[in-house]
Amino acid sequence: MLKQISFVFFVLLIGCYIRVNCEELKHLTNEVEVNVPANLTWELYSHLGISKLAAQELKHVIQRIQVLKGDGGVGTVLKLTFVPGNSSYTEIFNVIDDQKRVKVAQTLEGGCLEIGCSIQLVRFDIIEKYPSKSIIKSDIAYAVKKEFQAKDPKPNIQCLAAVAQVAKYYLERAN
């Protein structure tokens, strides 16, 4: 519950900062249970490890990932380029909370911003289910510009779902 409240507060701050009406935010969510402790799952997600693993294992989706700025901490800017025929997008890590196991990135350009969204925030929560099990919760919060609402553009959660499955396979094999 506290995690949800802190995320809502963060989204409200970002939304107010860029003048997005908070009632307009929509969410797409995916959860994957992993048979490893939350601290080990977080080790993979808390820095560039998950991005590198995704680029390595999802070559049919991700053509390349470039670190434009930073070392994987808050303020790091990544550019993800997808296979030909798909788009690319650039994101910045806004929040990395080791205690809560939360990572939030904001899309700066590309992705759903190109099809009518005014904001896209990607949040990863690594939740301890049991001492030996965790949940990877991926959430995309987004808002649609008024002039595009009739078209109802949506970001794609399937890529994040595929990344979570790759992480699950990798973590369970390694442990």
N, C-alpha and C. Protein backbone atom coordinates (compact mmCIF):
# COMPACT_ATOMS: atom_id res chain seq x y z
N MET A 1 0.82 -1.19 0.00
CA MET A 1 0.00 0.00 0.00
C MET A 1 0.87 1.26 0.00
N LEU A 2 1.92 1.26 0.82
CA LEU A 2 2.80 2.42 0.88
C LEU A 2 3.48 2.65 -0.46
N LYS A 3 3.86 1.55 -1.15
CA LYS A 3 4.49 1.68 -2.46
C LYS A 3 3.54 2.34 -3.45
N GLN A 4 2.26 1.93 -3.39
CA GLN A 4 1.27 2.51 -4.31
C GLN A 4 1.09 4.00 -4.03
N ILE A 5 1.05 4.36 -2.76
CA ILE A 5 0.88 5.77 -2.40
C ILE A 5 2.07 6.58 -2.87
N SER A 6 3.30 6.06 -2.66
CA SER A 6 4.48 6.80 -3.08
C SER A 6 4.53 6.93 -4.60
N PHE A 7 4.11 5.91 -5.33
CA PHE A 7 4.10 6.00 -6.79
C PHE A 7 3.07 7.02 -7.25
N VAL A 8 1.88 7.00 -6.65
CA VAL A 8 0.84 7.96 -7.02
C VAL A 8 1.34 9.38 -6.76
N PHE A 9 1.99 9.60 -5.63
CA PHE A 9 2.54 10.91 -5.31
C PHE A 9 3.57 11.33 -6.36
N PHE A 10 4.46 10.40 -6.74
CA PHE A 10 5.48 10.70 -7.75
C PHE A 10 4.82 11.06 -9.08
N VAL A 11 3.83 10.28 -9.49
CA VAL A 11 3.14 10.55 -10.76
C VAL A 11 2.42 11.89 -10.69
N LEU A 12 1.82 12.22 -9.54
CA LEU A 12 1.17 13.53 -9.39
C LEU A 12 2.17 14.66 -9.55
N LEU A 13 3.34 14.51 -8.93
CA LEU A 13 4.38 15.53 -9.06
C LEU A 13 4.81 15.71 -10.52
N ILE A 14 5.11 14.60 -11.19
CA ILE A 14 5.52 14.68 -12.59
C ILE A 14 4.40 15.26 -13.43
N GLY A 15 3.17 14.78 -13.19
CA GLY A 15 2.03 15.26 -13.96
C GLY A 15 1.81 16.76 -13.79
N CYS A 16 1.89 17.22 -12.57
CA CYS A 16 1.72 18.66 -12.32
C CYS A 16 2.86 19.46 -12.95
N TYR A 17 4.04 18.90 -12.90
CA TYR A 17 5.20 19.58 -13.47
C TYR A 17 5.03 19.81 -14.96
N ILE A 18 4.50 18.81 -15.68
CA ILE A 18 4.35 18.97 -17.13
C ILE A 18 2.90 19.29 -17.53
N ARG A 19 2.09 19.65 -16.52
CA ARG A 19 0.71 20.09 -16.75
C ARG A 19 -0.19 18.99 -17.33
N VAL A 20 -0.04 17.78 -16.85
CA VAL A 20 -0.92 16.69 -17.24
C VAL A 20 -1.98 16.56 -16.16
N ASN A 21 -3.23 16.54 -16.56
CA ASN A 21 -4.30 16.35 -15.60
C ASN A 21 -4.23 14.92 -15.09
N CYS A 22 -4.11 14.75 -13.79
CA CYS A 22 -3.86 13.45 -13.19
C CYS A 22 -4.98 12.45 -13.47
N GLU A 23 -6.21 12.92 -13.66
CA GLU A 23 -7.30 12.01 -13.97
C GLU A 23 -7.11 11.36 -15.34
N GLU A 24 -6.29 11.93 -16.18
CA GLU A 24 -6.09 11.42 -17.53
C GLU A 24 -5.05 10.30 -17.60
N LEU A 25 -4.30 10.07 -16.52
CA LEU A 25 -3.29 9.03 -16.55
C LEU A 25 -3.93 7.66 -16.62
N LYS A 26 -3.41 6.84 -17.49
CA LYS A 26 -3.86 5.45 -17.65
C LYS A 26 -2.69 4.55 -17.31
N HIS A 27 -2.99 3.30 -17.01
CA HIS A 27 -1.94 2.35 -16.63
C HIS A 27 -2.08 1.04 -17.38
N LEU A 28 -0.94 0.48 -17.74
CA LEU A 28 -0.84 -0.88 -18.24
C LEU A 28 0.13 -1.60 -17.30
N THR A 29 -0.25 -2.78 -16.82
CA THR A 29 0.56 -3.46 -15.81
C THR A 29 0.76 -4.92 -16.19
N ASN A 30 1.93 -5.43 -15.85
CA ASN A 30 2.26 -6.84 -16.04
C ASN A 30 3.00 -7.32 -14.79
N GLU A 31 2.68 -8.54 -14.34
CA GLU A 31 3.37 -9.12 -13.20
C GLU A 31 3.87 -10.52 -13.56
N VAL A 32 5.09 -10.80 -13.11
CA VAL A 32 5.70 -12.12 -13.32
C VAL A 32 6.30 -12.57 -12.00
N GLU A 33 5.94 -13.78 -11.58
CA GLU A 33 6.51 -14.36 -10.36
C GLU A 33 7.82 -15.06 -10.69
N VAL A 34 8.82 -14.83 -9.84
CA VAL A 34 10.16 -15.39 -10.05
C VAL A 34 10.54 -16.20 -8.81
N ASN A 35 11.09 -17.38 -9.02
CA ASN A 35 11.47 -18.26 -7.92
C ASN A 35 12.86 -17.96 -7.39
N VAL A 36 13.12 -16.70 -7.11
CA VAL A 36 14.35 -16.25 -6.46
C VAL A 36 13.99 -15.11 -5.51
N PRO A 37 14.82 -14.87 -4.49
CA PRO A 37 14.54 -13.79 -3.56
C PRO A 37 14.51 -12.42 -4.24
N ALA A 38 13.75 -11.52 -3.65
CA ALA A 38 13.58 -10.17 -4.21
C ALA A 38 14.90 -9.43 -4.33
N ASN A 39 15.80 -9.62 -3.36
CA ASN A 39 17.07 -8.88 -3.43
C ASN A 39 17.89 -9.29 -4.65
N LEU A 40 17.83 -10.56 -5.07
CA LEU A 40 18.56 -10.98 -6.27
C LEU A 40 17.90 -10.46 -7.54
N THR A 41 16.58 -10.43 -7.56
CA THR A 41 15.86 -9.86 -8.71
C THR A 41 16.17 -8.38 -8.82
N TRP A 42 16.19 -7.68 -7.67
CA TRP A 42 16.48 -6.26 -7.67
C TRP A 42 17.88 -5.97 -8.18
N GLU A 43 18.85 -6.81 -7.85
CA GLU A 43 20.22 -6.61 -8.34
C GLU A 43 20.25 -6.50 -9.86
N LEU A 44 19.43 -7.29 -10.53
CA LEU A 44 19.37 -7.25 -11.99
C LEU A 44 18.67 -5.98 -12.49
N TYR A 45 17.60 -5.57 -11.83
CA TYR A 45 16.78 -4.45 -12.28
C TYR A 45 17.30 -3.09 -11.85
N SER A 46 18.10 -3.02 -10.80
CA SER A 46 18.45 -1.73 -10.20
C SER A 46 19.45 -0.90 -10.99
N HIS A 47 20.05 -1.46 -12.00
CA HIS A 47 21.06 -0.73 -12.78
C HIS A 47 20.89 -1.10 -14.25
N LEU A 48 21.94 -1.10 -15.01
CA LEU A 48 21.85 -1.39 -16.45
C LEU A 48 21.78 -2.88 -16.78
N GLY A 49 21.87 -3.73 -15.78
CA GLY A 49 21.87 -5.17 -16.01
C GLY A 49 20.67 -5.67 -16.81
N ILE A 50 19.48 -5.21 -16.45
CA ILE A 50 18.29 -5.67 -17.15
C ILE A 50 18.27 -5.18 -18.60
N SER A 51 18.77 -3.98 -18.84
CA SER A 51 18.82 -3.46 -20.22
C SER A 51 19.78 -4.27 -21.07
N LYS A 52 20.94 -4.58 -20.51
CA LYS A 52 21.93 -5.38 -21.25
C LYS A 52 21.41 -6.79 -21.52
N LEU A 53 20.77 -7.40 -20.51
CA LEU A 53 20.21 -8.74 -20.69
C LEU A 53 19.12 -8.72 -21.76
N ALA A 54 18.26 -7.73 -21.73
CA ALA A 54 17.18 -7.63 -22.71
C ALA A 54 17.75 -7.49 -24.12
N ALA A 55 18.76 -6.64 -24.29
CA ALA A 55 19.37 -6.46 -25.62
C ALA A 55 20.01 -7.75 -26.11
N GLN A 56 20.61 -8.49 -25.20
CA GLN A 56 21.29 -9.74 -25.55
C GLN A 56 20.29 -10.84 -25.92
N GLU A 57 19.21 -10.94 -25.17
CA GLU A 57 18.27 -12.05 -25.33
C GLU A 57 17.08 -11.76 -26.24
N LEU A 58 16.80 -10.51 -26.50
CA LEU A 58 15.65 -10.15 -27.34
C LEU A 58 16.10 -9.47 -28.62
N LYS A 59 17.07 -10.06 -29.29
CA LYS A 59 17.63 -9.48 -30.52
C LYS A 59 16.60 -9.35 -31.63
N HIS A 60 15.54 -10.13 -31.58
CA HIS A 60 14.48 -10.04 -32.58
C HIS A 60 13.58 -8.81 -32.34
N VAL A 61 13.74 -8.17 -31.18
CA VAL A 61 12.95 -7.00 -30.83
C VAL A 61 13.82 -5.75 -30.69
N ILE A 62 14.93 -5.89 -29.94
CA ILE A 62 15.80 -4.76 -29.64
C ILE A 62 17.06 -4.84 -30.49
N GLN A 63 17.26 -3.83 -31.32
CA GLN A 63 18.45 -3.78 -32.17
C GLN A 63 19.67 -3.34 -31.37
N ARG A 64 19.49 -2.30 -30.52
CA ARG A 64 20.62 -1.82 -29.75
C ARG A 64 20.15 -0.91 -28.62
N ILE A 65 20.96 -0.88 -27.56
CA ILE A 65 20.73 0.02 -26.44
C ILE A 65 22.00 0.84 -26.25
N GLN A 66 21.85 2.16 -26.23
CA GLN A 66 22.99 3.06 -26.05
C GLN A 66 22.80 3.84 -24.75
N VAL A 67 23.86 3.90 -23.95
CA VAL A 67 23.85 4.76 -22.77
C VAL A 67 24.35 6.13 -23.24
N LEU A 68 23.45 7.10 -23.27
CA LEU A 68 23.80 8.45 -23.73
C LEU A 68 24.42 9.28 -22.62
N LYS A 69 24.05 8.95 -21.37
CA LYS A 69 24.56 9.70 -20.23
C LYS A 69 24.41 8.83 -18.99
N GLY A 70 25.40 8.85 -18.11
CA GLY A 70 25.29 8.19 -16.82
C GLY A 70 25.89 6.80 -16.78
N ASP A 71 25.73 6.19 -15.60
CA ASP A 71 26.33 4.88 -15.35
C ASP A 71 25.31 3.85 -14.86
N GLY A 72 24.03 4.14 -15.01
CA GLY A 72 22.99 3.23 -14.56
C GLY A 72 22.22 3.75 -13.37
N GLY A 73 22.68 4.85 -12.76
CA GLY A 73 21.99 5.44 -11.62
C GLY A 73 20.96 6.47 -12.07
N VAL A 74 20.42 7.18 -11.09
CA VAL A 74 19.45 8.25 -11.39
C VAL A 74 20.11 9.26 -12.33
N GLY A 75 19.38 9.67 -13.36
CA GLY A 75 19.91 10.61 -14.34
C GLY A 75 20.46 9.93 -15.58
N THR A 76 20.59 8.60 -15.55
CA THR A 76 21.07 7.87 -16.72
C THR A 76 20.07 8.00 -17.86
N VAL A 77 20.57 8.26 -19.06
CA VAL A 77 19.73 8.39 -20.25
C VAL A 77 20.09 7.25 -21.20
N LEU A 78 19.06 6.47 -21.58
CA LEU A 78 19.23 5.35 -22.51
C LEU A 78 18.45 5.61 -23.78
N LYS A 79 19.02 5.18 -24.90
CA LYS A 79 18.28 5.19 -26.17
C LYS A 79 18.14 3.74 -26.60
N LEU A 80 16.90 3.30 -26.75
CA LEU A 80 16.60 1.95 -27.20
C LEU A 80 16.16 2.02 -28.66
N THR A 81 16.84 1.27 -29.51
CA THR A 81 16.48 1.21 -30.92
C THR A 81 15.97 -0.20 -31.19
N PHE A 82 14.80 -0.26 -31.76
CA PHE A 82 14.18 -1.55 -32.03
C PHE A 82 14.51 -2.01 -33.44
N VAL A 83 14.23 -3.28 -33.73
CA VAL A 83 14.56 -3.84 -35.04
C VAL A 83 13.92 -3.00 -36.14
N PRO A 84 14.49 -3.03 -37.35
CA PRO A 84 13.95 -2.22 -38.46
C PRO A 84 12.44 -2.40 -38.60
N GLY A 85 11.79 -1.29 -38.87
CA GLY A 85 10.34 -1.29 -38.99
C GLY A 85 9.66 -0.82 -37.71
N ASN A 86 10.41 -0.79 -36.62
CA ASN A 86 9.88 -0.30 -35.35
C ASN A 86 10.59 0.99 -34.99
N SER A 87 10.11 1.63 -33.94
CA SER A 87 10.66 2.93 -33.55
C SER A 87 11.76 2.77 -32.52
N SER A 88 12.22 3.89 -32.04
CA SER A 88 13.16 3.92 -30.92
C SER A 88 12.63 4.90 -29.90
N TYR A 89 13.18 4.83 -28.72
CA TYR A 89 12.83 5.85 -27.74
C TYR A 89 13.98 6.08 -26.79
N THR A 90 13.94 7.25 -26.16
CA THR A 90 14.96 7.65 -25.20
C THR A 90 14.28 7.83 -23.86
N GLU A 91 14.93 7.32 -22.80
CA GLU A 91 14.36 7.43 -21.46
C GLU A 91 15.43 7.87 -20.47
N ILE A 92 14.96 8.42 -19.36
CA ILE A 92 15.85 8.84 -18.27
C ILE A 92 15.37 8.16 -16.98
N PHE A 93 16.33 7.64 -16.21
CA PHE A 93 16.00 7.04 -14.92
C PHE A 93 15.78 8.17 -13.92
N ASN A 94 14.54 8.29 -13.42
CA ASN A 94 14.20 9.34 -12.47
C ASN A 94 14.29 8.89 -11.02
N VAL A 95 13.97 7.63 -10.78
CA VAL A 95 13.96 7.10 -9.41
C VAL A 95 14.60 5.72 -9.42
N ILE A 96 15.52 5.50 -8.48
CA ILE A 96 16.04 4.17 -8.19
C ILE A 96 16.12 4.09 -6.68
N ASP A 97 15.19 3.35 -6.09
CA ASP A 97 15.09 3.25 -4.63
C ASP A 97 15.44 1.83 -4.21
N ASP A 98 16.63 1.65 -3.65
CA ASP A 98 17.10 0.33 -3.25
C ASP A 98 16.30 -0.25 -2.08
N GLN A 99 15.80 0.58 -1.20
CA GLN A 99 15.03 0.07 -0.06
C GLN A 99 13.66 -0.45 -0.50
N LYS A 100 12.99 0.31 -1.35
CA LYS A 100 11.66 -0.09 -1.82
C LYS A 100 11.72 -0.99 -3.05
N ARG A 101 12.91 -1.09 -3.64
CA ARG A 101 13.12 -1.86 -4.88
C ARG A 101 12.21 -1.34 -5.99
N VAL A 102 12.33 -0.04 -6.24
CA VAL A 102 11.52 0.65 -7.26
C VAL A 102 12.44 1.40 -8.20
N LYS A 103 12.15 1.29 -9.49
CA LYS A 103 12.88 2.03 -10.52
C LYS A 103 11.84 2.67 -11.44
N VAL A 104 12.01 3.97 -11.71
CA VAL A 104 11.08 4.69 -12.58
C VAL A 104 11.88 5.40 -13.66
N ALA A 105 11.44 5.23 -14.90
CA ALA A 105 12.06 5.92 -16.03
C ALA A 105 10.98 6.69 -16.77
N GLN A 106 11.34 7.86 -17.26
CA GLN A 106 10.42 8.69 -18.05
C GLN A 106 10.90 8.71 -19.49
N THR A 107 9.98 8.50 -20.41
CA THR A 107 10.30 8.58 -21.83
C THR A 107 10.50 10.04 -22.19
N LEU A 108 11.63 10.33 -22.84
CA LEU A 108 11.95 11.70 -23.26
C LEU A 108 11.53 11.95 -24.70
N GLU A 109 11.71 10.95 -25.55
CA GLU A 109 11.29 11.08 -26.96
C GLU A 109 11.06 9.69 -27.55
N GLY A 110 10.22 9.67 -28.56
CA GLY A 110 9.91 8.41 -29.22
C GLY A 110 8.84 7.64 -28.48
N GLY A 111 8.74 6.35 -28.80
CA GLY A 111 7.74 5.50 -28.15
C GLY A 111 6.34 6.04 -28.34
N CYS A 112 5.55 5.99 -27.30
CA CYS A 112 4.15 6.44 -27.42
C CYS A 112 4.03 7.96 -27.51
N LEU A 113 5.12 8.68 -27.23
CA LEU A 113 5.07 10.13 -27.40
C LEU A 113 4.88 10.49 -28.87
N GLU A 114 5.33 9.62 -29.76
CA GLU A 114 5.19 9.86 -31.21
C GLU A 114 3.79 9.59 -31.73
N ILE A 115 2.97 8.87 -30.95
CA ILE A 115 1.63 8.53 -31.44
C ILE A 115 0.52 9.23 -30.67
N GLY A 116 0.88 10.26 -29.86
CA GLY A 116 -0.14 11.06 -29.22
C GLY A 116 -0.15 11.07 -27.71
N CYS A 117 0.80 10.43 -27.07
CA CYS A 117 0.88 10.48 -25.61
C CYS A 117 1.68 11.72 -25.20
N SER A 118 1.29 12.32 -24.09
CA SER A 118 2.01 13.49 -23.60
C SER A 118 3.06 13.11 -22.56
N ILE A 119 2.90 11.97 -21.93
CA ILE A 119 3.87 11.48 -20.95
C ILE A 119 3.81 9.96 -20.91
N GLN A 120 4.97 9.35 -20.64
CA GLN A 120 5.04 7.91 -20.42
C GLN A 120 6.06 7.67 -19.31
N LEU A 121 5.61 7.04 -18.24
CA LEU A 121 6.48 6.66 -17.14
C LEU A 121 6.48 5.14 -17.02
N VAL A 122 7.65 4.55 -16.96
CA VAL A 122 7.78 3.11 -16.79
C VAL A 122 8.29 2.87 -15.38
N ARG A 123 7.59 2.02 -14.65
CA ARG A 123 7.95 1.73 -13.27
C ARG A 123 8.12 0.23 -13.10
N PHE A 124 9.21 -0.14 -12.42
CA PHE A 124 9.45 -1.53 -12.04
C PHE A 124 9.43 -1.61 -10.53
N ASP A 125 8.62 -2.50 -10.00
CA ASP A 125 8.61 -2.82 -8.58
C ASP A 125 9.04 -4.27 -8.43
N ILE A 126 10.00 -4.53 -7.57
CA ILE A 126 10.38 -5.89 -7.26
C ILE A 126 9.82 -6.16 -5.87
N ILE A 127 8.86 -7.05 -5.80
CA ILE A 127 8.08 -7.29 -4.59
C ILE A 127 8.45 -8.65 -4.01
N GLU A 128 8.71 -8.67 -2.71
CA GLU A 128 8.98 -9.95 -2.05
C GLU A 128 7.66 -10.64 -1.77
N LYS A 129 7.47 -11.81 -2.36
CA LYS A 129 6.26 -12.59 -2.10
C LYS A 129 6.49 -13.52 -0.92
N TYR A 130 7.58 -14.24 -0.97
CA TYR A 130 8.08 -15.10 0.10
C TYR A 130 9.58 -14.88 0.16
N PRO A 131 10.26 -15.37 1.19
CA PRO A 131 11.71 -15.18 1.21
C PRO A 131 12.43 -15.72 -0.02
N SER A 132 11.86 -16.73 -0.67
CA SER A 132 12.52 -17.31 -1.84
C SER A 132 11.80 -17.00 -3.16
N LYS A 133 10.80 -16.13 -3.13
CA LYS A 133 10.04 -15.78 -4.34
C LYS A 133 9.83 -14.28 -4.41
N SER A 134 9.82 -13.76 -5.63
CA SER A 134 9.56 -12.34 -5.82
C SER A 134 8.66 -12.15 -7.03
N ILE A 135 8.15 -10.94 -7.15
CA ILE A 135 7.30 -10.58 -8.27
C ILE A 135 7.93 -9.39 -8.98
N ILE A 136 8.04 -9.47 -10.29
CA ILE A 136 8.46 -8.34 -11.12
C ILE A 136 7.18 -7.68 -11.60
N LYS A 137 6.92 -6.48 -11.10
CA LYS A 137 5.74 -5.74 -11.53
C LYS A 137 6.20 -4.60 -12.43
N SER A 138 5.74 -4.62 -13.66
CA SER A 138 6.05 -3.58 -14.64
C SER A 138 4.79 -2.76 -14.86
N ASP A 139 4.90 -1.45 -14.79
CA ASP A 139 3.74 -0.58 -14.96
C ASP A 139 4.11 0.57 -15.89
N ILE A 140 3.25 0.84 -16.84
CA ILE A 140 3.40 2.01 -17.70
C ILE A 140 2.26 2.96 -17.38
N ALA A 141 2.59 4.14 -16.90
CA ALA A 141 1.61 5.21 -16.68
C ALA A 141 1.75 6.18 -17.86
N TYR A 142 0.64 6.55 -18.45
CA TYR A 142 0.70 7.43 -19.61
C TYR A 142 -0.55 8.30 -19.69
N ALA A 143 -0.40 9.40 -20.40
CA ALA A 143 -1.53 10.30 -20.66
C ALA A 143 -1.57 10.58 -22.15
N VAL A 144 -2.77 10.75 -22.66
CA VAL A 144 -2.98 10.99 -24.08
C VAL A 144 -3.34 12.46 -24.28
N LYS A 145 -2.71 13.09 -25.27
CA LYS A 145 -3.05 14.47 -25.61
C LYS A 145 -4.50 14.53 -26.07
N LYS A 146 -5.18 15.63 -25.74
CA LYS A 146 -6.61 15.76 -26.07
C LYS A 146 -6.90 15.53 -27.55
N GLU A 147 -6.04 16.06 -28.41
CA GLU A 147 -6.30 15.94 -29.84
C GLU A 147 -6.14 14.51 -30.37
N PHE A 148 -5.59 13.61 -29.57
CA PHE A 148 -5.39 12.22 -29.99
C PHE A 148 -6.30 11.24 -29.24
N GLN A 149 -7.15 11.73 -28.34
CA GLN A 149 -7.95 10.84 -27.50
C GLN A 149 -8.90 9.95 -28.30
N ALA A 150 -9.40 10.42 -29.41
CA ALA A 150 -10.30 9.60 -30.23
C ALA A 150 -9.58 8.38 -30.81
N LYS A 151 -8.29 8.51 -31.08
CA LYS A 151 -7.50 7.40 -31.62
C LYS A 151 -7.08 6.42 -30.53
N ASP A 152 -7.14 6.84 -29.26
CA ASP A 152 -6.80 6.02 -28.10
C ASP A 152 -5.44 5.33 -28.22
N PRO A 153 -4.37 6.11 -28.41
CA PRO A 153 -3.04 5.48 -28.52
C PRO A 153 -2.61 4.89 -27.18
N LYS A 154 -1.88 3.78 -27.26
CA LYS A 154 -1.39 3.11 -26.06
C LYS A 154 0.05 2.70 -26.24
N PRO A 155 0.84 2.80 -25.17
CA PRO A 155 2.18 2.21 -25.22
C PRO A 155 2.03 0.69 -25.24
N ASN A 156 3.11 0.01 -25.56
CA ASN A 156 3.08 -1.45 -25.66
C ASN A 156 3.71 -2.07 -24.43
N ILE A 157 2.92 -2.78 -23.63
CA ILE A 157 3.42 -3.46 -22.43
C ILE A 157 4.08 -4.79 -22.78
N GLN A 158 3.87 -5.27 -24.00
CA GLN A 158 4.38 -6.60 -24.37
C GLN A 158 5.90 -6.68 -24.32
N CYS A 159 6.59 -5.61 -24.65
CA CYS A 159 8.05 -5.61 -24.58
C CYS A 159 8.50 -5.76 -23.13
N LEU A 160 7.86 -5.05 -22.21
CA LEU A 160 8.22 -5.17 -20.80
C LEU A 160 7.87 -6.56 -20.26
N ALA A 161 6.78 -7.14 -20.74
CA ALA A 161 6.41 -8.50 -20.34
C ALA A 161 7.47 -9.49 -20.81
N ALA A 162 7.95 -9.31 -22.04
CA ALA A 162 8.99 -10.19 -22.58
C ALA A 162 10.29 -10.04 -21.80
N VAL A 163 10.63 -8.81 -21.43
CA VAL A 163 11.84 -8.56 -20.63
C VAL A 163 11.72 -9.26 -19.28
N ALA A 164 10.55 -9.19 -18.65
CA ALA A 164 10.35 -9.85 -17.36
C ALA A 164 10.49 -11.36 -17.48
N GLN A 165 10.00 -11.92 -18.59
CA GLN A 165 10.14 -13.37 -18.80
C GLN A 165 11.61 -13.76 -18.99
N VAL A 166 12.35 -12.94 -19.72
CA VAL A 166 13.79 -13.17 -19.90
C VAL A 166 14.49 -13.10 -18.55
N ALA A 167 14.14 -12.11 -17.75
CA ALA A 167 14.74 -11.96 -16.41
C ALA A 167 14.43 -13.18 -15.55
N LYS A 168 13.19 -13.63 -15.59
CA LYS A 168 12.78 -14.82 -14.82
C LYS A 168 13.63 -16.02 -15.21
N TYR A 169 13.73 -16.27 -16.49
CA TYR A 169 14.50 -17.42 -16.98
C TYR A 169 15.97 -17.31 -16.55
N TYR A 170 16.54 -16.14 -16.75
CA TYR A 170 17.96 -15.91 -16.39
C TYR A 170 18.19 -16.10 -14.89
N LEU A 171 17.35 -15.47 -14.08
CA LEU A 171 17.52 -15.54 -12.63
C LEU A 171 17.32 -16.95 -12.08
N GLU A 172 16.30 -17.65 -12.58
CA GLU A 172 16.04 -19.00 -12.09
C GLU A 172 17.13 -19.98 -12.52
N ARG A 173 17.70 -19.78 -13.69
CA ARG A 173 18.81 -20.62 -14.14
C ARG A 173 20.07 -20.37 -13.33
N ALA A 174 20.32 -19.11 -13.02
CA ALA A 174 21.55 -18.73 -12.32
C ALA A 174 21.51 -19.10 -10.84
N ASN A 175 20.32 -19.26 -10.30
CA ASN A 175 20.21 -19.54 -8.86
C ASN A 175 19.59 -20.89 -8.68
